[in-house]
């Protein structure tokens, strides 16, 4: 089992336990990354070199591995010119805003 050092805390390369629904989300992301590569007719060697990752890491990202870091996903997206898509994640937090609004309304009544 390979480990990577981050300060004094070793980071295991073993992926975290995922709920099946969460794993399917990652697998769909991986599939979209693979399709983006194929549409551009980029080889795995080219994408890996431009993203500064190994071909094995690219393969794992395209399979939706939970062990792949967000930074690696960002670098792959950047190779395709899709890094701006990461800005869309959690940008429309309707539930959070509704909860915040509900909290403000209930606090306003008790005053």
Protein backbone atom coordinates (compact mmCIF):
# COMPACT_ATOMS: atom_id res chain seq x y z
CA UNK A 1 0.00 0.00 0.00
CA UNK A 2 1.60 3.22 -1.20
CA UNK A 3 1.44 6.30 1.00
CA UNK A 4 2.02 9.95 0.22
CA UNK A 5 3.29 12.35 2.84
CA UNK A 6 1.41 15.51 3.64
CA UNK A 7 3.42 17.07 6.43
CA UNK A 8 3.61 14.53 9.23
CA UNK A 9 0.37 12.81 8.27
CA UNK A 10 0.69 9.90 5.86
CA UNK A 11 -2.18 9.69 3.39
CA UNK A 12 -3.18 6.12 2.49
CA UNK A 13 -3.87 5.47 -1.17
CA UNK A 14 -6.74 3.14 -0.23
CA UNK A 15 -10.01 4.77 -1.30
CA UNK A 16 -12.54 5.71 1.36
CA UNK A 17 -15.64 3.58 1.82
CA UNK A 18 -18.36 5.07 -0.38
CA UNK A 19 -22.12 4.71 -0.50
CA UNK A 20 -23.11 3.04 -3.79
CA UNK A 21 -24.98 6.16 -4.94
CA UNK A 22 -21.89 8.31 -4.30
CA UNK A 23 -19.69 5.81 -6.15
CA UNK A 24 -22.03 5.99 -9.15
CA UNK A 25 -21.64 9.79 -9.20
CA UNK A 26 -17.85 9.40 -9.33
CA UNK A 27 -18.14 6.74 -12.02
CA UNK A 28 -20.28 9.07 -14.15
CA UNK A 29 -17.67 11.83 -13.68
CA UNK A 30 -14.96 9.41 -14.78
CA UNK A 31 -16.99 8.45 -17.83
CA UNK A 32 -17.45 12.13 -18.75
CA UNK A 33 -13.69 12.68 -18.41
CA UNK A 34 -13.01 9.70 -20.66
CA UNK A 35 -15.50 10.96 -23.25
CA UNK A 36 -13.96 14.46 -23.11
CA UNK A 37 -10.55 12.92 -23.83
CA UNK A 38 -11.87 10.79 -26.68
CA UNK A 39 -13.81 13.66 -28.29
CA UNK A 40 -10.60 15.69 -28.38
CA UNK A 41 -8.71 12.66 -29.71
CA UNK A 42 -6.18 13.05 -26.90
CA UNK A 43 -4.14 10.01 -25.97
CA UNK A 44 -3.86 8.92 -22.35
CA UNK A 45 -0.14 9.71 -22.58
CA UNK A 46 -0.82 13.30 -23.66
CA UNK A 47 -3.44 13.98 -20.98
CA UNK A 48 -1.33 12.42 -18.24
CA UNK A 49 1.72 14.47 -19.27
CA UNK A 50 -0.23 17.74 -19.45
CA UNK A 51 -1.96 17.06 -16.11
CA UNK A 52 1.38 16.00 -14.55
CA UNK A 53 -0.01 12.63 -13.44
CA UNK A 54 0.70 9.02 -14.34
CA UNK A 55 -1.36 7.16 -16.91
CA UNK A 56 -2.45 4.85 -14.08
CA UNK A 57 -3.84 7.84 -12.15
CA UNK A 58 -5.67 9.03 -15.28
CA UNK A 59 -7.11 5.55 -15.75
CA UNK A 60 -8.29 5.51 -12.12
CA UNK A 61 -9.86 8.98 -12.51
CA UNK A 62 -11.67 7.82 -15.64
CA UNK A 63 -13.01 4.87 -13.62
CA UNK A 64 -14.26 7.22 -10.88
CA UNK A 65 -11.87 6.21 -8.12
CA UNK A 66 -12.65 7.86 -4.76
CA UNK A 67 -8.91 7.83 -4.02
CA UNK A 68 -8.22 10.48 -6.68
CA UNK A 69 -7.85 13.96 -5.18
CA UNK A 70 -9.90 16.97 -6.23
CA UNK A 71 -6.64 18.60 -7.33
CA UNK A 72 -6.00 15.80 -9.81
CA UNK A 73 -9.55 16.01 -11.14
CA UNK A 74 -9.02 19.78 -11.53
CA UNK A 75 -5.78 19.29 -13.48
CA UNK A 76 -7.48 16.79 -15.81
CA UNK A 77 -10.40 19.16 -16.36
CA UNK A 78 -7.91 21.96 -17.13
CA UNK A 79 -6.32 19.87 -19.89
CA UNK A 80 -9.78 19.78 -21.54
CA UNK A 81 -10.52 23.44 -20.87
CA UNK A 82 -13.28 22.43 -18.46
CA UNK A 83 -11.80 23.64 -15.15
CA UNK A 84 -14.53 26.28 -14.85
CA UNK A 85 -17.04 23.47 -14.35
CA UNK A 86 -15.58 22.96 -10.87
CA UNK A 87 -16.87 26.44 -9.95
CA UNK A 88 -20.41 25.15 -10.49
CA UNK A 89 -20.19 22.55 -7.72
CA UNK A 90 -22.41 23.58 -4.81
CA UNK A 91 -22.84 27.06 -6.31
CA UNK A 92 -26.63 26.89 -6.07
CA UNK A 93 -27.19 25.83 -2.45
CA UNK A 94 -30.99 26.07 -2.40
CA UNK A 95 -31.40 23.85 0.65
CA UNK A 96 -28.82 25.82 2.62
CA UNK A 97 -30.43 29.13 1.70
CA UNK A 98 -33.90 27.79 2.58
CA UNK A 99 -32.61 26.58 5.96
CA UNK A 100 -30.92 29.93 6.56
CA UNK A 101 -34.11 31.80 5.64
CA UNK A 102 -36.20 29.53 7.88
CA UNK A 103 -33.79 30.14 10.75
CA UNK A 104 -34.03 33.89 10.29
CA UNK A 105 -37.83 33.77 10.21
CA UNK A 106 -38.06 31.69 13.39
CA UNK A 107 -35.58 33.96 15.18
CA UNK A 108 -37.52 36.99 14.05
CA UNK A 109 -40.75 35.64 15.62
CA UNK A 110 -39.20 34.90 19.00
CA UNK A 111 -37.84 38.44 19.37
